[in-house]
Amino acid sequence: MPILILLFLISATLFGKSPEAPITLTQELETKTMIVEESVPLPFSPPVLERDAAAEAEIFKLVNEARREAGFKELLWDEGLSAAARAHSYDMWQRRYFAHEDPDGENPVDRLKEEGIVFEKAGENLALARSVARAHEGLMDSPGHRRNILDPDFRRTGIGVVDGGMYGIMVTEDFAD
């Protein structure tokens, strides 16, 4: 039986040199890819949601390894960015959507400002995947996501991972200068 792999990705650069960065959803089923340019409702809701601190640390490590390999400085962990990222991952699971903008119209800029984060440039990546490795691999294979991870203007990151059990992990990566 063929293995079915679902990977959802969204990226956006909020300020700076890449305002044209796509906000897209990519769904990969085996080797076929579909792009959707809008918020996507999730057809499922996990019964139990748990923060996955180990996954957050692993993604942080993978992001900085990718930056080092590309010749860029490592990002600093920012707890304010992490709080915003984590809250967004929880919210997407709880309200069953997958997008930068929540159903009330709040966007990444709003979330970062609510956390009191000062920035001139910020970016956000979203992934829904079965594992940390698959989420990071998918983000690095996508030009918009890779651009956020390797952006030399970003100095800080916060990562929020919420485990949805059999449905996978919801990952939000927030970046700021």
C-alpha atoms as a PDB file:
ATOM      1  CA  MET A   1       0.000   0.000   0.000  1.00  0.00           C
ATOM      2  CA  PRO A   2       1.491   3.381  -0.917  1.00  0.00           C
ATOM      3  CA  ILE A   3       2.459   5.584   1.968  1.00  0.00           C
ATOM      4  CA  LEU A   4       0.353   8.695   2.158  1.00  0.00           C
ATOM      5  CA  ILE A   5       2.194  11.770   3.336  1.00  0.00           C
ATOM      6  CA  LEU A   6       0.473  15.047   4.031  1.00  0.00           C
ATOM      7  CA  LEU A   7       2.493  18.185   4.448  1.00  0.00           C
ATOM      8  CA  PHE A   8       1.018  21.616   4.699  1.00  0.00           C
ATOM      9  CA  LEU A   9       3.175  24.710   4.398  1.00  0.00           C
ATOM     10  CA  ILE A  10       2.530  28.394   4.444  1.00  0.00           C
ATOM     11  CA  SER A  11       5.026  31.220   4.393  1.00  0.00           C
ATOM     12  CA  ALA A  12       4.920  34.962   4.388  1.00  0.00           C
ATOM     13  CA  THR A  13       7.378  37.751   4.765  1.00  0.00           C
ATOM     14  CA  LEU A  14       5.672  40.593   6.545  1.00  0.00           C
ATOM     15  CA  PHE A  15       8.126  43.425   6.016  1.00  0.00           C
ATOM     16  CA  GLY A  16      11.314  44.080   4.122  1.00  0.00           C
ATOM     17  CA  LYS A  17      12.780  43.074   0.817  1.00  0.00           C
ATOM     18  CA  SER A  18      10.317  40.303  -0.073  1.00  0.00           C
ATOM     19  CA  PRO A  19       6.781  41.690   0.194  1.00  0.00           C
ATOM     20  CA  GLU A  20       5.803  39.609  -2.810  1.00  0.00           C
ATOM     21  CA  ALA A  21       6.525  36.336  -0.976  1.00  0.00           C
ATOM     22  CA  PRO A  22       3.645  33.974  -1.611  1.00  0.00           C
ATOM     23  CA  ILE A  23       1.155  32.964   1.009  1.00  0.00           C
ATOM     24  CA  THR A  24       0.401  29.481  -0.237  1.00  0.00           C
ATOM     25  CA  LEU A  25      -0.635  26.098   0.996  1.00  0.00           C
ATOM     26  CA  THR A  26       1.129  23.127  -0.499  1.00  0.00           C
ATOM     27  CA  GLN A  27      -0.351  19.697  -0.075  1.00  0.00           C
ATOM     28  CA  GLU A  28       1.820  16.799  -1.158  1.00  0.00           C
ATOM     29  CA  LEU A  29       0.197  13.416  -1.692  1.00  0.00           C
ATOM     30  CA  GLU A  30       2.950  11.048  -2.735  1.00  0.00           C
ATOM     31  CA  THR A  31       4.425  12.943  -5.735  1.00  0.00           C
ATOM     32  CA  LYS A  32       1.541  15.279  -6.617  1.00  0.00           C
ATOM     33  CA  THR A  33       1.463  18.875  -5.407  1.00  0.00           C
ATOM     34  CA  MET A  34      -1.472  21.272  -5.180  1.00  0.00           C
ATOM     35  CA  ILE A  35      -1.179  25.002  -4.410  1.00  0.00           C
ATOM     36  CA  VAL A  36      -4.040  26.866  -2.746  1.00  0.00           C
ATOM     37  CA  GLU A  37      -3.771  30.624  -2.165  1.00  0.00           C
ATOM     38  CA  GLU A  38      -6.231  31.079   0.681  1.00  0.00           C
ATOM     39  CA  SER A  39      -6.998  30.033   4.222  1.00  0.00           C
ATOM     40  CA  VAL A  40      -7.686  26.337   4.444  1.00  0.00           C
ATOM     41  CA  PRO A  41     -10.186  24.796   6.887  1.00  0.00           C
ATOM     42  CA  LEU A  42      -8.904  21.677   8.613  1.00  0.00           C
ATOM     43  CA  PRO A  43     -11.288  18.710   8.273  1.00  0.00           C
ATOM     44  CA  PHE A  44     -10.227  17.294  11.652  1.00  0.00           C
ATOM     45  CA  SER A  45      -9.658  18.403  15.223  1.00  0.00           C
ATOM     46  CA  PRO A  46      -7.378  16.516  17.611  1.00  0.00           C
ATOM     47  CA  PRO A  47      -8.994  15.582  20.935  1.00  0.00           C
ATOM     48  CA  VAL A  48      -5.862  16.449  22.948  1.00  0.00           C
ATOM     49  CA  LEU A  49      -3.341  19.196  22.186  1.00  0.00           C
ATOM     50  CA  GLU A  50       0.069  19.357  23.808  1.00  0.00           C
ATOM     51  CA  ARG A  51       2.996  21.719  23.444  1.00  0.00           C
ATOM     52  CA  ASP A  52       6.029  19.836  22.162  1.00  0.00           C
ATOM     53  CA  ALA A  53       9.034  21.630  23.689  1.00  0.00           C
ATOM     54  CA  ALA A  54      11.448  18.978  22.396  1.00  0.00           C
ATOM     55  CA  ALA A  55      10.198  19.531  18.828  1.00  0.00           C
ATOM     56  CA  GLU A  56      10.570  23.305  19.256  1.00  0.00           C
ATOM     57  CA  ALA A  57      14.195  22.825  20.350  1.00  0.00           C
ATOM     58  CA  GLU A  58      14.891  20.423  17.473  1.00  0.00           C
ATOM     59  CA  ILE A  59      13.458  22.795  14.863  1.00  0.00           C
ATOM     60  CA  PHE A  60      15.491  25.664  16.361  1.00  0.00           C
ATOM     61  CA  LYS A  61      18.616  23.509  16.027  1.00  0.00           C
ATOM     62  CA  LEU A  62      17.774  22.577  12.408  1.00  0.00           C
ATOM     63  CA  VAL A  63      17.069  26.211  11.454  1.00  0.00           C
ATOM     64  CA  ASN A  64      20.438  27.315  12.848  1.00  0.00           C
ATOM     65  CA  GLU A  65      22.262  24.411  11.178  1.00  0.00           C
ATOM     66  CA  ALA A  66      20.772  25.493   7.833  1.00  0.00           C
ATOM     67  CA  ARG A  67      21.843  29.089   8.456  1.00  0.00           C
ATOM     68  CA  ARG A  68      25.409  28.067   9.391  1.00  0.00           C
ATOM     69  CA  GLU A  69      25.687  25.867   6.290  1.00  0.00           C
ATOM     70  CA  ALA A  70      24.554  28.834   4.158  1.00  0.00           C
ATOM     71  CA  GLY A  71      27.118  31.131   5.800  1.00  0.00           C
ATOM     72  CA  PHE A  72      24.671  33.150   7.942  1.00  0.00           C
ATOM     73  CA  LYS A  73      24.703  33.912  11.650  1.00  0.00           C
ATOM     74  CA  GLU A  74      22.625  31.753  13.944  1.00  0.00           C
ATOM     75  CA  LEU A  75      19.327  33.140  15.176  1.00  0.00           C
ATOM     76  CA  LEU A  76      18.722  33.883  18.838  1.00  0.00           C
ATOM     77  CA  TRP A  77      15.798  32.255  20.632  1.00  0.00           C
ATOM     78  CA  ASP A  78      13.178  34.869  21.516  1.00  0.00           C
ATOM     79  CA  GLU A  79      10.592  33.842  24.103  1.00  0.00           C
ATOM     80  CA  GLY A  80       8.158  36.586  22.987  1.00  0.00           C
ATOM     81  CA  LEU A  81       8.264  35.320  19.402  1.00  0.00           C
ATOM     82  CA  SER A  82       7.863  31.777  20.733  1.00  0.00           C
ATOM     83  CA  ALA A  83       4.805  32.745  22.781  1.00  0.00           C
ATOM     84  CA  ALA A  84       3.188  34.288  19.694  1.00  0.00           C
ATOM     85  CA  ALA A  85       4.115  31.261  17.547  1.00  0.00           C
ATOM     86  CA  ARG A  86       2.870  28.765  20.126  1.00  0.00           C
ATOM     87  CA  ALA A  87      -0.427  30.612  20.620  1.00  0.00           C
ATOM     88  CA  HIS A  88      -0.996  30.628  16.854  1.00  0.00           C
ATOM     89  CA  SER A  89      -0.298  26.886  16.554  1.00  0.00           C
ATOM     90  CA  TYR A  90      -2.799  26.181  19.357  1.00  0.00           C
ATOM     91  CA  ASP A  91      -5.364  28.516  17.809  1.00  0.00           C
ATOM     92  CA  MET A  92      -5.151  26.864  14.386  1.00  0.00           C
ATOM     93  CA  TRP A  93      -5.795  23.446  15.928  1.00  0.00           C
ATOM     94  CA  GLN A  94      -8.562  24.653  18.229  1.00  0.00           C
ATOM     95  CA  ARG A  95     -10.457  26.633  15.592  1.00  0.00           C
ATOM     96  CA  ARG A  96      -9.627  24.229  12.745  1.00  0.00           C
ATOM     97  CA  TYR A  97      -7.964  26.513  10.192  1.00  0.00           C
ATOM     98  CA  PHE A  98      -4.505  26.763   8.634  1.00  0.00           C
ATOM     99  CA  ALA A  99      -3.496  30.306   7.733  1.00  0.00           C
ATOM    100  CA  HIS A 100      -1.503  33.330   8.807  1.00  0.00           C
ATOM    101  CA  GLU A 101      -4.692  35.271   9.410  1.00  0.00           C
ATOM    102  CA  ASP A 102      -7.066  33.857  11.999  1.00  0.00           C
ATOM    103  CA  PRO A 103     -10.857  33.743  11.493  1.00  0.00           C
ATOM    104  CA  ASP A 104     -11.161  37.090  13.328  1.00  0.00           C
ATOM    105  CA  GLY A 105      -8.776  38.797  10.899  1.00  0.00           C
ATOM    106  CA  GLU A 106      -5.759  38.945  13.238  1.00  0.00           C
ATOM    107  CA  ASN A 107      -2.491  38.539  11.326  1.00  0.00           C
ATOM    108  CA  PRO A 108       1.143  37.858  12.331  1.00  0.00           C
ATOM    109  CA  VAL A 109       1.877  41.574  12.810  1.00  0.00           C
ATOM    110  CA  ASP A 110      -1.043  41.833  15.237  1.00  0.00           C
ATOM    111  CA  ARG A 111       0.156  38.793  17.193  1.00  0.00           C
ATOM    112  CA  LEU A 112       3.719  40.062  17.473  1.00  0.00           C
ATOM    113  CA  LYS A 113       2.588  43.509  18.596  1.00  0.00           C
ATOM    114  CA  GLU A 114       0.320  41.924  21.232  1.00  0.00           C
ATOM    115  CA  GLU A 115       3.404  40.190  22.637  1.00  0.00           C
ATOM    116  CA  GLY A 116       5.201  43.561  22.793  1.00  0.00           C
ATOM    117  CA  ILE A 117       7.773  42.529  20.210  1.00  0.00           C
ATOM    118  CA  VAL A 118       9.614  45.414  18.578  1.00  0.00           C
ATOM    119  CA  PHE A 119      10.614  44.805  14.962  1.00  0.00           C
ATOM    120  CA  GLU A 120      11.010  46.463  11.586  1.00  0.00           C
ATOM    121  CA  LYS A 121      10.941  43.224   9.607  1.00  0.00           C
ATOM    122  CA  ALA A 122       9.247  39.952  10.484  1.00  0.00           C
ATOM    123  CA  GLY A 123       8.319  36.711   8.776  1.00  0.00           C
ATOM    124  CA  GLU A 124       6.325  33.600   9.519  1.00  0.00           C
ATOM    125  CA  ASN A 125       6.399  29.989   8.335  1.00  0.00           C
ATOM    126  CA  LEU A 126       3.675  27.445   9.059  1.00  0.00           C
ATOM    127  CA  ALA A 127       3.814  23.685   8.661  1.00  0.00           C
ATOM    128  CA  LEU A 128       1.557  20.765   9.503  1.00  0.00           C
ATOM    129  CA  ALA A 129       3.523  17.531   9.246  1.00  0.00           C
ATOM    130  CA  ARG A 130       3.971  14.081  10.763  1.00  0.00           C
ATOM    131  CA  SER A 131       7.461  14.825  12.123  1.00  0.00           C
ATOM    132  CA  VAL A 132       9.969  17.577  12.844  1.00  0.00           C
ATOM    133  CA  ALA A 133      12.283  16.263  10.128  1.00  0.00           C
ATOM    134  CA  ARG A 134       9.518  16.285   7.514  1.00  0.00           C
ATOM    135  CA  ALA A 135       8.333  19.758   8.520  1.00  0.00           C
ATOM    136  CA  HIS A 136      11.841  21.221   8.285  1.00  0.00           C
ATOM    137  CA  GLU A 137      12.636  19.406   5.040  1.00  0.00           C
ATOM    138  CA  GLY A 138       9.425  20.684   3.473  1.00  0.00           C
ATOM    139  CA  LEU A 139      10.101  24.248   4.586  1.00  0.00           C
ATOM    140  CA  MET A 140      13.659  24.158   3.244  1.00  0.00           C
ATOM    141  CA  ASP A 141      12.448  22.730  -0.080  1.00  0.00           C
ATOM    142  CA  SER A 142      10.009  25.619  -0.544  1.00  0.00           C
ATOM    143  CA  PRO A 143      11.570  28.870  -1.848  1.00  0.00           C
ATOM    144  CA  GLY A 144       9.432  31.219   0.266  1.00  0.00           C
ATOM    145  CA  HIS A 145       9.981  29.280   3.478  1.00  0.00           C
ATOM    146  CA  ARG A 146      13.681  28.844   2.808  1.00  0.00           C
ATOM    147  CA  ARG A 147      13.963  32.592   2.197  1.00  0.00           C
ATOM    148  CA  ASN A 148      12.544  33.276   5.664  1.00  0.00           C
ATOM    149  CA  ILE A 149      14.822  30.728   7.351  1.00  0.00           C
ATOM    150  CA  LEU A 150      17.949  32.043   5.613  1.00  0.00           C
ATOM    151  CA  ASP A 151      17.107  35.766   5.594  1.00  0.00           C
ATOM    152  CA  PRO A 152      20.274  37.543   6.822  1.00  0.00           C
ATOM    153  CA  ASP A 153      18.183  40.419   8.215  1.00  0.00           C
ATOM    154  CA  PHE A 154      16.518  38.151  10.761  1.00  0.00           C
ATOM    155  CA  ARG A 155      18.352  37.848  14.074  1.00  0.00           C
ATOM    156  CA  ARG A 156      15.687  36.263  16.295  1.00  0.00           C
ATOM    157  CA  THR A 157      13.211  33.441  16.050  1.00  0.00           C
ATOM    158  CA  GLY A 158      10.469  31.877  18.081  1.00  0.00           C
ATOM    159  CA  ILE A 159       9.014  28.476  17.366  1.00  0.00           C
ATOM    160  CA  GLY A 160       5.731  27.038  18.563  1.00  0.00           C
ATOM    161  CA  VAL A 161       4.968  23.353  18.066  1.00  0.00           C
ATOM    162  CA  VAL A 162       1.695  21.822  19.192  1.00  0.00           C
ATOM    163  CA  ASP A 163       1.267  18.070  18.894  1.00  0.00           C
ATOM    164  CA  GLY A 164      -2.095  16.966  17.535  1.00  0.00           C
ATOM    165  CA  GLY A 165      -1.458  13.256  18.056  1.00  0.00           C
ATOM    166  CA  MET A 166      -2.309  11.136  15.025  1.00  0.00           C
ATOM    167  CA  TYR A 167      -2.912  14.324  12.999  1.00  0.00           C
ATOM    168  CA  GLY A 168       0.695  15.484  13.303  1.00  0.00           C
ATOM    169  CA  ILE A 169       2.436  18.570  14.621  1.00  0.00           C
ATOM    170  CA  MET A 170       1.424  22.160  13.943  1.00  0.00           C
ATOM    171  CA  VAL A 171       4.537  24.312  13.555  1.00  0.00           C
ATOM    172  CA  THR A 172       4.709  28.104  13.577  1.00  0.00           C
ATOM    173  CA  GLU A 173       8.104  29.746  13.052  1.00  0.00           C
ATOM    174  CA  ASP A 174       8.189  33.499  13.673  1.00  0.00           C
ATOM    175  CA  PHE A 175      11.221  35.569  12.675  1.00  0.00           C
ATOM    176  CA  ALA A 176      12.226  39.164  13.430  1.00  0.00           C
ATOM    177  CA  ASP A 177      15.173  41.477  12.956  1.00  0.00           C
END
